[in-house]
Amino acid sequence: MENTTDPKFGFNNFAETWNGRLAMLGFVIGLGTEFITGHGILSQIGLM
């Protein structure tokens, strides 16, 4: 039985799962914009 009083912030399985999912989503979006524009992320934000 799952304990429903576990915190939903900090270093726990819930937070780490969502952190991983959002990191993967950001990586895919970054690759997609690089493919579409033909410029790397640093070039897109004006650092190169």
N, C-alpha and C. Protein backbone atom coordinates (compact mmCIF):
# COMPACT_ATOMS: atom_id res chain seq x y z
N MET A 1 0.84 -1.18 0.00
CA MET A 1 0.00 0.00 0.00
C MET A 1 0.88 1.25 0.00
N GLU A 2 0.55 2.21 -0.84
CA GLU A 2 1.35 3.42 -0.97
C GLU A 2 0.94 4.44 0.09
N ASN A 3 1.95 5.06 0.68
CA ASN A 3 1.70 6.09 1.68
C ASN A 3 1.43 7.41 0.97
N THR A 4 0.27 7.99 1.19
CA THR A 4 -0.10 9.23 0.50
C THR A 4 0.43 10.47 1.20
N THR A 5 1.11 10.32 2.33
CA THR A 5 1.64 11.49 3.04
C THR A 5 3.08 11.80 2.64
N ASP A 6 3.64 11.08 1.64
CA ASP A 6 4.99 11.37 1.18
C ASP A 6 5.02 12.75 0.54
N PRO A 7 6.09 13.51 0.79
CA PRO A 7 6.18 14.84 0.18
C PRO A 7 6.34 14.73 -1.33
N LYS A 8 5.83 15.70 -2.06
CA LYS A 8 5.93 15.72 -3.51
C LYS A 8 7.04 16.67 -3.97
N PHE A 9 7.99 16.98 -3.10
CA PHE A 9 9.12 17.82 -3.46
C PHE A 9 10.36 17.27 -2.76
N GLY A 10 11.53 17.72 -3.20
CA GLY A 10 12.77 17.19 -2.64
C GLY A 10 13.24 15.97 -3.41
N PHE A 11 14.18 15.25 -2.84
CA PHE A 11 14.75 14.08 -3.49
C PHE A 11 13.92 12.84 -3.16
N ASN A 12 12.89 12.61 -3.95
CA ASN A 12 12.09 11.39 -3.81
C ASN A 12 11.80 10.85 -5.20
N ASN A 13 11.23 9.67 -5.26
CA ASN A 13 11.01 9.02 -6.56
C ASN A 13 10.10 9.82 -7.47
N PHE A 14 9.07 10.45 -6.93
CA PHE A 14 8.14 11.24 -7.74
C PHE A 14 8.86 12.40 -8.42
N ALA A 15 9.64 13.15 -7.64
CA ALA A 15 10.34 14.32 -8.19
C ALA A 15 11.41 13.90 -9.18
N GLU A 16 12.14 12.84 -8.87
CA GLU A 16 13.21 12.40 -9.76
C GLU A 16 12.66 11.85 -11.07
N THR A 17 11.51 11.19 -11.03
CA THR A 17 10.89 10.69 -12.25
C THR A 17 10.51 11.84 -13.16
N TRP A 18 9.86 12.87 -12.61
CA TRP A 18 9.46 14.00 -13.43
C TRP A 18 10.66 14.82 -13.90
N ASN A 19 11.69 14.92 -13.07
CA ASN A 19 12.90 15.61 -13.49
C ASN A 19 13.52 14.92 -14.70
N GLY A 20 13.59 13.60 -14.67
CA GLY A 20 14.13 12.86 -15.81
C GLY A 20 13.29 13.01 -17.06
N ARG A 21 11.98 12.95 -16.90
CA ARG A 21 11.09 13.10 -18.06
C ARG A 21 11.23 14.47 -18.70
N LEU A 22 11.27 15.51 -17.88
CA LEU A 22 11.39 16.87 -18.41
C LEU A 22 12.76 17.11 -19.03
N ALA A 23 13.80 16.50 -18.47
CA ALA A 23 15.13 16.62 -19.06
C ALA A 23 15.18 15.97 -20.44
N MET A 24 14.56 14.79 -20.57
CA MET A 24 14.51 14.13 -21.87
C MET A 24 13.72 14.95 -22.88
N LEU A 25 12.62 15.54 -22.44
CA LEU A 25 11.81 16.37 -23.32
C LEU A 25 12.60 17.60 -23.78
N GLY A 26 13.31 18.24 -22.87
CA GLY A 26 14.13 19.40 -23.23
C GLY A 26 15.23 19.04 -24.20
N PHE A 27 15.84 17.88 -24.01
CA PHE A 27 16.90 17.44 -24.92
C PHE A 27 16.35 17.22 -26.32
N VAL A 28 15.20 16.58 -26.43
CA VAL A 28 14.59 16.32 -27.74
C VAL A 28 14.17 17.63 -28.40
N ILE A 29 13.62 18.56 -27.64
CA ILE A 29 13.24 19.86 -28.20
C ILE A 29 14.49 20.61 -28.68
N GLY A 30 15.57 20.55 -27.91
CA GLY A 30 16.82 21.19 -28.32
C GLY A 30 17.37 20.60 -29.61
N LEU A 31 17.35 19.28 -29.72
CA LEU A 31 17.80 18.65 -30.96
C LEU A 31 16.89 19.01 -32.13
N GLY A 32 15.60 19.07 -31.88
CA GLY A 32 14.65 19.42 -32.95
C GLY A 32 14.86 20.83 -33.46
N THR A 33 15.05 21.78 -32.56
CA THR A 33 15.26 23.16 -33.01
C THR A 33 16.60 23.31 -33.71
N GLU A 34 17.60 22.54 -33.26
CA GLU A 34 18.88 22.59 -33.95
C GLU A 34 18.76 22.02 -35.36
N PHE A 35 18.00 20.95 -35.51
CA PHE A 35 17.79 20.35 -36.83
C PHE A 35 17.01 21.29 -37.74
N ILE A 36 15.97 21.93 -37.22
CA ILE A 36 15.11 22.81 -38.02
C ILE A 36 15.85 24.09 -38.43
N THR A 37 16.56 24.72 -37.49
CA THR A 37 17.21 26.00 -37.79
C THR A 37 18.58 25.85 -38.43
N GLY A 38 19.25 24.73 -38.18
CA GLY A 38 20.60 24.55 -38.71
C GLY A 38 21.66 25.22 -37.87
N HIS A 39 21.29 25.75 -36.70
CA HIS A 39 22.23 26.40 -35.79
C HIS A 39 22.18 25.69 -34.45
N GLY A 40 23.33 25.63 -33.79
CA GLY A 40 23.38 25.04 -32.46
C GLY A 40 22.71 25.93 -31.43
N ILE A 41 22.53 25.40 -30.22
CA ILE A 41 21.84 26.14 -29.18
C ILE A 41 22.60 27.40 -28.78
N LEU A 42 23.93 27.33 -28.73
CA LEU A 42 24.69 28.52 -28.37
C LEU A 42 24.56 29.61 -29.42
N SER A 43 24.48 29.22 -30.67
CA SER A 43 24.29 30.18 -31.75
C SER A 43 22.89 30.79 -31.69
N GLN A 44 21.92 30.00 -31.33
CA GLN A 44 20.54 30.48 -31.25
C GLN A 44 20.35 31.53 -30.16
N ILE A 45 21.06 31.37 -29.04
CA ILE A 45 20.89 32.34 -27.96
C ILE A 45 21.93 33.44 -28.02
N GLY A 46 22.75 33.47 -29.07
CA GLY A 46 23.68 34.58 -29.31
C GLY A 46 25.01 34.51 -28.59
N LEU A 47 25.45 33.33 -28.16
CA LEU A 47 26.72 33.22 -27.48
C LEU A 47 27.86 32.86 -28.42
N MET A 48 27.55 32.50 -29.63
CA MET A 48 28.60 32.18 -30.60
C MET A 48 28.29 32.85 -31.92
